[in-house]
Amino acid sequence: MEMINPHCGIDRDPRGVVRLSICNAGSLNILSSAVTSGVREGFEKLATDRTIRAVILAGQSEKSMIGGADIKEMAKLDQKSAEAFITRLRDLCEAVRQFPAPVIARLPGWCLGGGLEVAAACDFRIAAHDAHFGMPEVKVGIPSVIHAALLPRLIGWGRARWLVMTAENIDAPTALAWGLVDKVAPAGGLDDAVEHTVKALLECGAEALRSQKALMRQWEELPLTESVNLSVGVFGQSFLTGEPQRMMQGFLDRKR
């Protein structure tokens, strides 16, 4: 593993797939300020590398990808330092959300609070069969904020309200039924399920996927008519890369 900093390590394979691991963050991969900044730095450094086809975000421990934010650190905050703390977490979530290539969240064990916000910022969420999810912030006297705002878009207002206002956890089958995760792996099959998604992405045009991800992020923000019209120019620009011509001709040649 190549260490970008003490809290972020990467493994890169010949296909352009990077596994970015959250390191030295305890058995549950807890987000202290130092860990949050370290992982954000990793994403920001990798963002300029156009050879990257996909990123798998994982915890060094199998107990979780990210168990949550550091309550020991938060217990000592005042208003000013609390805003600085949550701004750092916001910036990490945005680095994930705006990363040019697809990001897959590998989700064993517990995914709580800030960990679920980071997972929501990923493009795909693949969970172990025994994973659990929750937003426990109100139980420790704070609201769920920043990228918890993505939850109503993923699972609807009622279910998002349930998570952030009851602070009750849900299991992996419930998360799948709600649309919070995209796939639940069988026992012992989490890495195989992640690899299945990686292979599906690698069969697609690299530039097309980057354009598609950027469009999806804009569609989240824009009215429908503006989203439709914006897409016309993006479609035309895709032909400047040569990728459509090459891949379409390959498709036609295979059909002969």
Foldseek 3Di string as FASTA:
>chain_A
DDQPDQQWDWDADPQQEIEIEGHPCPQQSADDLVSLQRLLVVLVVCLVPLSHAEYEQAYPHLQWSYQYYDVVVVVPDDPVVVVVRVVSLLSSLVSQLLRLHAYEYQTGHEQEQSSLLSNLSGPAYEYEQFHKYAYQVVVVPDFRDRSLVSVCVQQNDVVSCCRGPVRDMDGDVVCCVRRSHVYYAYVPCRVVVVVVVVVVSSVDDSVVNSLVSVLVVVVVPDDDVVSVVVVVVSVVVVVVVVVVVVVVVVVVVVVD
